[in-house]
PDB file of N, CA and C in Angstrom:
ATOM      1  N   GLN A   1      -1.083 195.282  77.213  1.00  0.00           N
ATOM      2  CA  GLN A   1      -0.960 194.886  75.825  1.00  0.00           C
ATOM      3  C   GLN A   1      -2.251 195.140  75.062  1.00  0.00           C
ATOM      4  N   GLY A   2      -3.365 195.095  75.758  1.00  0.00           N
ATOM      5  CA  GLY A   2      -4.645 195.308  75.098  1.00  0.00           C
ATOM      6  C   GLY A   2      -4.722 196.649  74.396  1.00  0.00           C
ATOM      7  N   GLU A   3      -4.285 197.702  75.054  1.00  0.00           N
ATOM      8  CA  GLU A   3      -4.298 199.035  74.440  1.00  0.00           C
ATOM      9  C   GLU A   3      -3.381 199.091  73.227  1.00  0.00           C
ATOM     10  N   LEU A   4      -2.242 198.452  73.306  1.00  0.00           N
ATOM     11  CA  LEU A   4      -1.281 198.504  72.208  1.00  0.00           C
ATOM     12  C   LEU A   4      -1.726 197.710  70.989  1.00  0.00           C
ATOM     13  N   LYS A   5      -2.605 196.744  71.190  1.00  0.00           N
ATOM     14  CA  LYS A   5      -3.095 195.932  70.070  1.00  0.00           C
ATOM     15  C   LYS A   5      -4.192 196.624  69.278  1.00  0.00           C
ATOM     16  N   LYS A   6      -4.739 197.689  69.813  1.00  0.00           N
ATOM     17  CA  LYS A   6      -5.796 198.402  69.105  1.00  0.00           C
ATOM     18  C   LYS A   6      -5.228 199.035  67.832  1.00  0.00           C
ATOM     19  N   PRO A   7      -5.897 198.840  66.693  1.00  0.00           N
ATOM     20  CA  PRO A   7      -5.406 199.462  65.463  1.00  0.00           C
ATOM     21  C   PRO A   7      -5.517 200.986  65.504  1.00  0.00           C
ATOM     22  N   SER A   8      -6.478 201.481  66.280  1.00  0.00           N
ATOM     23  CA  SER A   8      -6.607 202.924  66.490  1.00  0.00           C
ATOM     24  C   SER A   8      -7.346 203.128  67.810  1.00  0.00           C
ATOM     25  N   GLY A   9      -7.266 204.331  68.326  1.00  0.00           N
ATOM     26  CA  GLY A   9      -7.977 204.646  69.549  1.00  0.00           C
ATOM     27  C   GLY A   9      -7.286 204.204  70.832  1.00  0.00           C
ATOM     28  N   MET A  10      -5.984 203.898  70.743  1.00  0.00           N
ATOM     29  CA  MET A  10      -5.240 203.522  71.936  1.00  0.00           C
ATOM     30  C   MET A  10      -5.252 204.694  72.927  1.00  0.00           C
ATOM     31  N   ASN A  11      -5.369 204.394  74.207  1.00  0.00           N
ATOM     32  CA  ASN A  11      -5.302 205.427  75.234  1.00  0.00           C
ATOM     33  C   ASN A  11      -3.891 205.413  75.817  1.00  0.00           C
ATOM     34  N   PRO A  12      -3.026 206.340  75.379  1.00  0.00           N
ATOM     35  CA  PRO A  12      -1.640 206.319  75.839  1.00  0.00           C
ATOM     36  C   PRO A  12      -1.500 206.572  77.335  1.00  0.00           C
ATOM     37  N   LYS A  13      -2.462 207.262  77.930  1.00  0.00           N
ATOM     38  CA  LYS A  13      -2.401 207.503  79.377  1.00  0.00           C
ATOM     39  C   LYS A  13      -2.508 206.191  80.148  1.00  0.00           C
ATOM     40  N   VAL A  14      -3.322 205.288  79.654  1.00  0.00           N
ATOM     41  CA  VAL A  14      -3.463 203.981  80.300  1.00  0.00           C
ATOM     42  C   VAL A  14      -2.138 203.219  80.216  1.00  0.00           C
ATOM     43  N   VAL A  15      -1.524 203.243  79.052  1.00  0.00           N
ATOM     44  CA  VAL A  15      -0.257 202.522  78.871  1.00  0.00           C
ATOM     45  C   VAL A  15       0.811 203.080  79.798  1.00  0.00           C
ATOM     46  N   VAL A  16       0.935 204.385  79.859  1.00  0.00           N
ATOM     47  CA  VAL A  16       1.947 205.016  80.711  1.00  0.00           C
ATOM     48  C   VAL A  16       1.670 204.711  82.183  1.00  0.00           C
ATOM     49  N   ARG A  17       0.392 204.741  82.577  1.00  0.00           N
ATOM     50  CA  ARG A  17       0.048 204.429  83.969  1.00  0.00           C
ATOM     51  C   ARG A  17       0.444 202.993  84.315  1.00  0.00           C
ATOM     52  N   VAL A  18       0.147 202.056  83.424  1.00  0.00           N
ATOM     53  CA  VAL A  18       0.492 200.652  83.669  1.00  0.00           C
ATOM     54  C   VAL A  18       2.003 200.468  83.721  1.00  0.00           C
ATOM     55  N   LEU A  19       2.727 201.120  82.819  1.00  0.00           N
ATOM     56  CA  LEU A  19       4.195 201.023  82.860  1.00  0.00           C
ATOM     57  C   LEU A  19       4.722 201.528  84.200  1.00  0.00           C
ATOM     58  N   GLY A  20       4.180 202.645  84.671  1.00  0.00           N
ATOM     59  CA  GLY A  20       4.601 203.183  85.964  1.00  0.00           C
ATOM     60  C   GLY A  20       4.253 202.268  87.125  1.00  0.00           C
ATOM     61  N   ASP A  21       3.085 201.627  87.036  1.00  0.00           N
ATOM     62  CA  ASP A  21       2.651 200.727  88.108  1.00  0.00           C
ATOM     63  C   ASP A  21       3.466 199.438  88.161  1.00  0.00           C
ATOM     64  N   LEU A  22       4.097 199.083  87.051  1.00  0.00           N
ATOM     65  CA  LEU A  22       4.882 197.846  87.011  1.00  0.00           C
ATOM     66  C   LEU A  22       6.158 197.911  87.854  1.00  0.00           C
ATOM     67  N   GLY A  23       6.733 199.086  87.976  1.00  0.00           N
ATOM     68  CA  GLY A  23       8.019 199.246  88.650  1.00  0.00           C
ATOM     69  C   GLY A  23       8.181 198.473  89.939  1.00  0.00           C
ATOM     70  N   PRO A  24       7.291 198.665  90.916  1.00  0.00           N
ATOM     71  CA  PRO A  24       7.441 197.967  92.190  1.00  0.00           C
ATOM     72  C   PRO A  24       7.237 196.456  92.093  1.00  0.00           C
ATOM     73  N   LEU A  25       6.544 196.001  91.062  1.00  0.00           N
ATOM     74  CA  LEU A  25       6.255 194.576  90.921  1.00  0.00           C
ATOM     75  C   LEU A  25       7.365 193.796  90.211  1.00  0.00           C
ATOM     76  N   LEU A  26       8.153 194.486  89.422  1.00  0.00           N
ATOM     77  CA  LEU A  26       9.125 193.809  88.559  1.00  0.00           C
ATOM     78  C   LEU A  26      10.194 192.996  89.278  1.00  0.00           C
ATOM     79  N   PRO A  27      10.728 193.446  90.405  1.00  0.00           N
ATOM     80  CA  PRO A  27      11.753 192.616  91.041  1.00  0.00           C
ATOM     81  C   PRO A  27      11.289 191.197  91.347  1.00  0.00           C
ATOM     82  N   SER A  28      10.020 191.027  91.648  1.00  0.00           N
ATOM     83  CA  SER A  28       9.533 189.687  91.993  1.00  0.00           C
ATOM     84  C   SER A  28       9.324 188.788  90.779  1.00  0.00           C
ATOM     85  N   VAL A  29       9.244 189.369  89.587  1.00  0.00           N
ATOM     86  CA  VAL A  29       9.035 188.551  88.382  1.00  0.00           C
ATOM     87  C   VAL A  29      10.185 188.642  87.388  1.00  0.00           C
ATOM     88  N   ALA A  30      11.181 189.423  87.721  1.00  0.00           N
ATOM     89  CA  ALA A  30      12.283 189.670  86.783  1.00  0.00           C
ATOM     90  C   ALA A  30      13.006 188.407  86.356  1.00  0.00           C
ATOM     91  N   GLY A  31      13.041 187.409  87.220  1.00  0.00           N
ATOM     92  CA  GLY A  31      13.744 186.179  86.894  1.00  0.00           C
ATOM     93  C   GLY A  31      12.952 185.208  86.034  1.00  0.00           C
ATOM     94  N   ILE A  32      11.695 185.502  85.767  1.00  0.00           N
ATOM     95  CA  ILE A  32      10.868 184.619  84.946  1.00  0.00           C
ATOM     96  C   ILE A  32      11.345 184.707  83.497  1.00  0.00           C
ATOM     97  N   ARG A  33      11.619 183.559  82.947  1.00  0.00           N
ATOM     98  CA  ARG A  33      12.149 183.498  81.585  1.00  0.00           C
ATOM     99  C   ARG A  33      11.194 184.182  80.596  1.00  0.00           C
ATOM    100  N   GLY A  34      11.735 185.061  79.797  1.00  0.00           N
ATOM    101  CA  GLY A  34      10.973 185.746  78.766  1.00  0.00           C
ATOM    102  C   GLY A  34      10.285 187.012  79.208  1.00  0.00           C
ATOM    103  N   TYR A  35      10.249 187.274  80.504  1.00  0.00           N
ATOM    104  CA  TYR A  35       9.516 188.444  80.990  1.00  0.00           C
ATOM    105  C   TYR A  35      10.168 189.743  80.512  1.00  0.00           C
ATOM    106  N   GLY A  36      11.483 189.808  80.614  1.00  0.00           N
ATOM    107  CA  GLY A  36      12.191 191.007  80.178  1.00  0.00           C
ATOM    108  C   GLY A  36      11.998 191.269  78.695  1.00  0.00           C
ATOM    109  N   GLY A  37      12.041 190.205  77.892  1.00  0.00           N
ATOM    110  CA  GLY A  37      11.841 190.351  76.449  1.00  0.00           C
ATOM    111  C   GLY A  37      10.431 190.815  76.114  1.00  0.00           C
ATOM    112  N   ALA A  38       9.461 190.276  76.832  1.00  0.00           N
ATOM    113  CA  ALA A  38       8.076 190.685  76.606  1.00  0.00           C
ATOM    114  C   ALA A  38       7.886 192.156  76.969  1.00  0.00           C
ATOM    115  N   LEU A  39       8.491 192.569  78.073  1.00  0.00           N
ATOM    116  CA  LEU A  39       8.409 193.970  78.482  1.00  0.00           C
ATOM    117  C   LEU A  39       9.082 194.864  77.451  1.00  0.00           C
ATOM    118  N   GLN A  40      10.221 194.421  76.936  1.00  0.00           N
ATOM    119  CA  GLN A  40      10.927 195.188  75.905  1.00  0.00           C
ATOM    120  C   GLN A  40      10.057 195.340  74.657  1.00  0.00           C
ATOM    121  N   ASP A  41       9.362 194.281  74.266  1.00  0.00           N
ATOM    122  CA  ASP A  41       8.471 194.334  73.101  1.00  0.00           C
ATOM    123  C   ASP A  41       7.338 195.328  73.308  1.00  0.00           C
ATOM    124  N   ILE A  42       6.780 195.340  74.504  1.00  0.00           N
ATOM    125  CA  ILE A  42       5.699 196.274  74.818  1.00  0.00           C
ATOM    126  C   ILE A  42       6.185 197.714  74.708  1.00  0.00           C
ATOM    127  N   VAL A  43       7.354 197.966  75.264  1.00  0.00           N
ATOM    128  CA  VAL A  43       7.919 199.318  75.226  1.00  0.00           C
ATOM    129  C   VAL A  43       8.202 199.745  73.785  1.00  0.00           C
ATOM    130  N   GLU A  44       8.727 198.836  72.974  1.00  0.00           N
ATOM    131  CA  GLU A  44       9.006 199.149  71.565  1.00  0.00           C
ATOM    132  C   GLU A  44       7.717 199.463  70.811  1.00  0.00           C
ATOM    133  N   LYS A  45       6.673 198.691  71.064  1.00  0.00           N
ATOM    134  CA  LYS A  45       5.388 198.919  70.397  1.00  0.00           C
ATOM    135  C   LYS A  45       4.815 200.271  70.815  1.00  0.00           C
ATOM    136  N   PHE A  46       4.933 200.618  72.093  1.00  0.00           N
ATOM    137  CA  PHE A  46       4.435 201.914  72.552  1.00  0.00           C
ATOM    138  C   PHE A  46       5.235 203.041  71.908  1.00  0.00           C
ATOM    139  N   LYS A  47       6.512 202.855  71.759  1.00  0.00           N
ATOM    140  CA  LYS A  47       7.344 203.869  71.093  1.00  0.00           C
ATOM    141  C   LYS A  47       6.850 204.091  69.663  1.00  0.00           C
ATOM    142  N   GLU A  48       6.544 203.017  68.957  1.00  0.00           N
ATOM    143  CA  GLU A  48       6.024 203.145  67.596  1.00  0.00           C
ATOM    144  C   GLU A  48       4.705 203.914  67.583  1.00  0.00           C
ATOM    145  N   LYS A  49       3.842 203.623  68.542  1.00  0.00           N
ATOM    146  CA  LYS A  49       2.559 204.324  68.628  1.00  0.00           C
ATOM    147  C   LYS A  49       2.758 205.812  68.916  1.00  0.00           C
ATOM    148  N   LEU A  50       3.725 206.130  69.797  1.00  0.00           N
ATOM    149  CA  LEU A  50       4.015 207.542  70.083  1.00  0.00           C
ATOM    150  C   LEU A  50       4.563 208.248  68.852  1.00  0.00           C
ATOM    151  N   GLU A  51       5.421 207.572  68.109  1.00  0.00           N
ATOM    152  CA  GLU A  51       5.964 208.156  66.875  1.00  0.00           C
ATOM    153  C   GLU A  51       4.842 208.437  65.877  1.00  0.00           C
ATOM    154  N   ASP A  52       3.926 207.494  65.739  1.00  0.00           N
ATOM    155  CA  ASP A  52       2.783 207.700  64.845  1.00  0.00           C
ATOM    156  C   ASP A  52       1.937 208.880  65.303  1.00  0.00           C
ATOM    157  N   ALA A  53       1.671 208.949  66.591  1.00  0.00           N
ATOM    158  CA  ALA A  53       0.874 210.041  67.140  1.00  0.00           C
ATOM    159  C   ALA A  53       1.557 211.388  66.919  1.00  0.00           C
ATOM    160  N   CYS A  54       2.863 211.389  67.041  1.00  0.00           N
ATOM    161  CA  CYS A  54       3.624 212.628  66.819  1.00  0.00           C
ATOM    162  C   CYS A  54       3.499 213.069  65.360  1.00  0.00           C
ATOM    163  N   GLY A  55       3.626 212.116  64.454  1.00  0.00           N
ATOM    164  CA  GLY A  55       3.474 212.436  63.034  1.00  0.00           C
ATOM    165  C   GLY A  55       2.098 212.991  62.725  1.00  0.00           C
ATOM    166  N   LYS A  56       1.072 212.389  63.300  1.00  0.00           N
ATOM    167  CA  LYS A  56      -0.297 212.860  63.094  1.00  0.00           C
ATOM    168  C   LYS A  56      -0.496 214.245  63.702  1.00  0.00           C
ATOM    169  N   ALA A  57       0.085 214.464  64.872  1.00  0.00           N
ATOM    170  CA  ALA A  57      -0.044 215.770  65.527  1.00  0.00           C
ATOM    171  C   ALA A  57       0.597 216.872  64.695  1.00  0.00           C
ATOM    172  N   CYS A  58       1.722 216.556  64.093  1.00  0.00           N
ATOM    173  CA  CYS A  58       2.433 217.559  63.295  1.00  0.00           C
ATOM    174  C   CYS A  58       1.715 217.873  61.986  1.00  0.00           C
ATOM    175  N   SER A  59       0.987 216.909  61.449  1.00  0.00           N
ATOM    176  CA  SER A  59       0.318 217.129  60.170  1.00  0.00           C
ATOM    177  C   SER A  59      -1.127 217.615  60.327  1.00  0.00           C
ATOM    178  N   ALA A  60      -1.641 217.606  61.540  1.00  0.00           N
ATOM    179  CA  ALA A  60      -3.020 218.030  61.774  1.00  0.00           C
ATOM    180  C   ALA A  60      -3.113 219.554  61.857  1.00  0.00           C
ATOM    181  N   GLU A  61      -4.306 220.032  61.617  1.00  0.00           N
ATOM    182  CA  GLU A  61      -4.547 221.464  61.768  1.00  0.00           C
ATOM    183  C   GLU A  61      -4.802 221.772  63.233  1.00  0.00           C
ATOM    184  N   GLY A  62      -4.574 223.004  63.599  1.00  0.00           N
ATOM    185  CA  GLY A  62      -4.836 223.415  64.981  1.00  0.00           C
ATOM    186  C   GLY A  62      -3.549 223.631  65.755  1.00  0.00           C
ATOM    187  N   ASP A  63      -3.660 223.512  67.052  1.00  0.00           N
ATOM    188  CA  ASP A  63      -2.559 223.803  67.962  1.00  0.00           C
ATOM    189  C   ASP A  63      -1.593 222.617  68.069  1.00  0.00           C
ATOM    190  N   VAL A  64      -0.648 222.581  67.157  1.00  0.00           N
ATOM    191  CA  VAL A  64       0.336 221.494  67.115  1.00  0.00           C
ATOM    192  C   VAL A  64       1.184 221.491  68.382  1.00  0.00           C
ATOM    193  N   ASP A  65       1.548 222.676  68.859  1.00  0.00           N
ATOM    194  CA  ASP A  65       2.386 222.759  70.059  1.00  0.00           C
ATOM    195  C   ASP A  65       1.706 222.131  71.272  1.00  0.00           C
ATOM    196  N   ALA A  66       0.411 222.346  71.408  1.00  0.00           N
ATOM    197  CA  ALA A  66      -0.315 221.763  72.543  1.00  0.00           C
ATOM    198  C   ALA A  66      -0.338 220.246  72.436  1.00  0.00           C
ATOM    199  N   ARG A  67      -0.576 219.724  71.233  1.00  0.00           N
ATOM    200  CA  ARG A  67      -0.594 218.270  71.041  1.00  0.00           C
ATOM    201  C   ARG A  67       0.774 217.671  71.338  1.00  0.00           C
ATOM    202  N   LEU A  68       1.805 218.307  70.807  1.00  0.00           N
ATOM    203  CA  LEU A  68       3.165 217.801  71.042  1.00  0.00           C
ATOM    204  C   LEU A  68       3.543 217.915  72.510  1.00  0.00           C
ATOM    205  N   GLY A  69       3.068 218.951  73.178  1.00  0.00           N
ATOM    206  CA  GLY A  69       3.321 219.097  74.612  1.00  0.00           C
ATOM    207  C   GLY A  69       2.712 217.953  75.403  1.00  0.00           C
ATOM    208  N   GLY A  70       1.499 217.571  75.038  1.00  0.00           N
ATOM    209  CA  GLY A  70       0.847 216.443  75.700  1.00  0.00           C
ATOM    210  C   GLY A  70       1.584 215.141  75.448  1.00  0.00           C
ATOM    211  N   LEU A  71       2.027 214.943  74.219  1.00  0.00           N
ATOM    212  CA  LEU A  71       2.793 213.731  73.898  1.00  0.00           C
ATOM    213  C   LEU A  71       4.125 213.711  74.637  1.00  0.00           C
ATOM    214  N   THR A  72       4.738 214.868  74.765  1.00  0.00           N
ATOM    215  CA  THR A  72       6.024 214.949  75.468  1.00  0.00           C
ATOM    216  C   THR A  72       5.855 214.579  76.938  1.00  0.00           C
ATOM    217  N   LYS A  73       4.785 215.038  77.561  1.00  0.00           N
ATOM    218  CA  LYS A  73       4.535 214.683  78.970  1.00  0.00           C
ATOM    219  C   LYS A  73       4.358 213.179  79.130  1.00  0.00           C
ATOM    220  N   LEU A  74       3.612 212.567  78.216  1.00  0.00           N
ATOM    221  CA  LEU A  74       3.442 211.113  78.254  1.00  0.00           C
ATOM    222  C   LEU A  74       4.782 210.408  78.067  1.00  0.00           C
ATOM    223  N   ALA A  75       5.569 210.904  77.118  1.00  0.00           N
ATOM    224  CA  ALA A  75       6.871 210.310  76.840  1.00  0.00           C
ATOM    225  C   ALA A  75       7.799 210.422  78.050  1.00  0.00           C
ATOM    226  N   GLU A  76       7.764 211.556  78.729  1.00  0.00           N
ATOM    227  CA  GLU A  76       8.601 211.732  79.919  1.00  0.00           C
ATOM    228  C   GLU A  76       8.210 210.751  81.028  1.00  0.00           C
ATOM    229  N   SER A  77       6.917 210.552  81.210  1.00  0.00           N
ATOM    230  CA  SER A  77       6.453 209.591  82.220  1.00  0.00           C
ATOM    231  C   SER A  77       6.871 208.177  81.843  1.00  0.00           C
ATOM    232  N   GLY A  78       6.768 207.857  80.573  1.00  0.00           N
ATOM    233  CA  GLY A  78       7.200 206.537  80.113  1.00  0.00           C
ATOM    234  C   GLY A  78       8.694 206.326  80.269  1.00  0.00           C
ATOM    235  N   ASP A  79       9.468 207.375  80.017  1.00  0.00           N
ATOM    236  CA  ASP A  79      10.918 207.288  80.212  1.00  0.00           C
ATOM    237  C   ASP A  79      11.265 207.066  81.683  1.00  0.00           C
ATOM    238  N   ALA A  80      10.521 207.717  82.573  1.00  0.00           N
ATOM    239  CA  ALA A  80      10.763 207.535  84.005  1.00  0.00           C
ATOM    240  C   ALA A  80      10.495 206.089  84.417  1.00  0.00           C
ATOM    241  N   ALA A  81       9.441 205.503  83.872  1.00  0.00           N
ATOM    242  CA  ALA A  81       9.152 204.096  84.167  1.00  0.00           C
ATOM    243  C   ALA A  81      10.276 203.204  83.655  1.00  0.00           C
ATOM    244  N   GLN A  82      10.768 203.507  82.479  1.00  0.00           N
ATOM    245  CA  GLN A  82      11.868 202.714  81.914  1.00  0.00           C
ATOM    246  C   GLN A  82      13.145 202.829  82.734  1.00  0.00           C
ATOM    247  N   ASP A  83      13.361 203.983  83.338  1.00  0.00           N
ATOM    248  CA  ASP A  83      14.525 204.139  84.216  1.00  0.00           C
ATOM    249  C   ASP A  83      14.463 203.100  85.342  1.00  0.00           C
ATOM    250  N   THR A  84      13.273 202.895  85.870  1.00  0.00           N
ATOM    251  CA  THR A  84      13.085 201.887  86.921  1.00  0.00           C
ATOM    252  C   THR A  84      13.371 200.493  86.368  1.00  0.00           C
ATOM    253  N   PHE A  85      12.849 200.196  85.183  1.00  0.00           N
ATOM    254  CA  PHE A  85      13.050 198.875  84.577  1.00  0.00           C
ATOM    255  C   PHE A  85      14.537 198.586  84.368  1.00  0.00           C
ATOM    256  N   SER A  86      15.261 199.580  83.880  1.00  0.00           N
ATOM    257  CA  SER A  86      16.662 199.356  83.526  1.00  0.00           C
ATOM    258  C   SER A  86      17.550 199.122  84.745  1.00  0.00           C
ATOM    259  N   LYS A  87      17.071 199.479  85.932  1.00  0.00           N
ATOM    260  CA  LYS A  87      17.846 199.263  87.160  1.00  0.00           C
ATOM    261  C   LYS A  87      17.723 197.827  87.673  1.00  0.00           C
ATOM    262  N   ILE A  88      16.801 197.065  87.118  1.00  0.00           N
ATOM    263  CA  ILE A  88      16.595 195.681  87.545  1.00  0.00           C
ATOM    264  C   ILE A  88      17.426 194.783  86.644  1.00  0.00           C
ATOM    265  N   THR A  89      18.572 194.399  87.127  1.00  0.00           N
ATOM    266  CA  THR A  89      19.556 193.669  86.336  1.00  0.00           C
ATOM    267  C   THR A  89      19.001 192.399  85.708  1.00  0.00           C
ATOM    268  N   ALA A  90      18.188 191.663  86.433  1.00  0.00           N
ATOM    269  CA  ALA A  90      17.662 190.385  85.939  1.00  0.00           C
ATOM    270  C   ALA A  90      16.782 190.543  84.699  1.00  0.00           C
ATOM    271  N   LEU A  91      16.285 191.749  84.444  1.00  0.00           N
ATOM    272  CA  LEU A  91      15.436 191.966  83.266  1.00  0.00           C
ATOM    273  C   LEU A  91      16.238 192.112  81.981  1.00  0.00           C
ATOM    274  N   SER A  92      17.492 192.538  82.082  1.00  0.00           N
ATOM    275  CA  SER A  92      18.294 192.854  80.892  1.00  0.00           C
ATOM    276  C   SER A  92      17.522 193.815  79.985  1.00  0.00           C
ATOM    277  N   PHE A  93      16.977 194.850  80.582  1.00  0.00           N
ATOM    278  CA  PHE A  93      16.129 195.809  79.870  1.00  0.00           C
ATOM    279  C   PHE A  93      16.972 196.936  79.292  1.00  0.00           C
ATOM    280  N   ARG A  94      16.716 197.278  78.039  1.00  0.00           N
ATOM    281  CA  ARG A  94      17.370 198.413  77.381  1.00  0.00           C
ATOM    282  C   ARG A  94      16.351 199.543  77.224  1.00  0.00           C
ATOM    283  N   LYS A  95      16.682 200.659  77.797  1.00  0.00           N
ATOM    284  CA  LYS A  95      15.762 201.803  77.734  1.00  0.00           C
ATOM    285  C   LYS A  95      15.614 202.290  76.290  1.00  0.00           C
ATOM    286  N   THR A  96      14.380 202.530  75.931  1.00  0.00           N
ATOM    287  CA  THR A  96      14.029 203.110  74.634  1.00  0.00           C
ATOM    288  C   THR A  96      13.539 204.506  74.909  1.00  0.00           C
ATOM    289  N   GLY A  97      14.270 205.497  74.483  1.00  0.00           N
ATOM    290  CA  GLY A  97      13.914 206.870  74.805  1.00  0.00           C
ATOM    291  C   GLY A  97      12.662 207.326  74.075  1.00  0.00           C
ATOM    292  N   PHE A  98      11.562 207.440  74.810  1.00  0.00           N
ATOM    293  CA  PHE A  98      10.320 207.915  74.205  1.00  0.00           C
ATOM    294  C   PHE A  98      10.432 209.380  73.804  1.00  0.00           C
ATOM    295  N   VAL A  99      11.009 210.208  74.669  1.00  0.00           N
ATOM    296  CA  VAL A  99      11.133 211.635  74.356  1.00  0.00           C
ATOM    297  C   VAL A  99      12.005 211.825  73.120  1.00  0.00           C
ATOM    298  N   ALA A 100      13.097 211.104  73.046  1.00  0.00           N
ATOM    299  CA  ALA A 100      13.980 211.210  71.886  1.00  0.00           C
ATOM    300  C   ALA A 100      13.281 210.753  70.615  1.00  0.00           C
ATOM    301  N   ALA A 101      12.363 209.806  70.736  1.00  0.00           N
ATOM    302  CA  ALA A 101      11.667 209.261  69.571  1.00  0.00           C
ATOM    303  C   ALA A 101      10.677 210.250  68.973  1.00  0.00           C
ATOM    304  N   ILE A 102      10.131 211.121  69.827  1.00  0.00           N
ATOM    305  CA  ILE A 102       9.141 212.064  69.298  1.00  0.00           C
ATOM    306  C   ILE A 102       9.776 213.425  69.065  1.00  0.00           C
TER     307      ILE A 102
END
């Protein structure tokens, strides 16, 4: 959450790594009240940050394709983590397509 709270300078690689690392841990905490909702909020906030980054990449000068390619790779990794989350029934997690968002 710390990275997502930054008004600027968020490191999306850190967020994606943490989302991926959560997968194996989630079954043990999935039943904790509010955990699924908190995770959903984090994913939604990251999606908003990716959308903003995509908009900035498209309006910036230089190699837009390279920037968008990097964002797409991050989005794909985030989507893979969400696939794991959505398989844990106790979380009631709804996948938010990062790739589709950008």
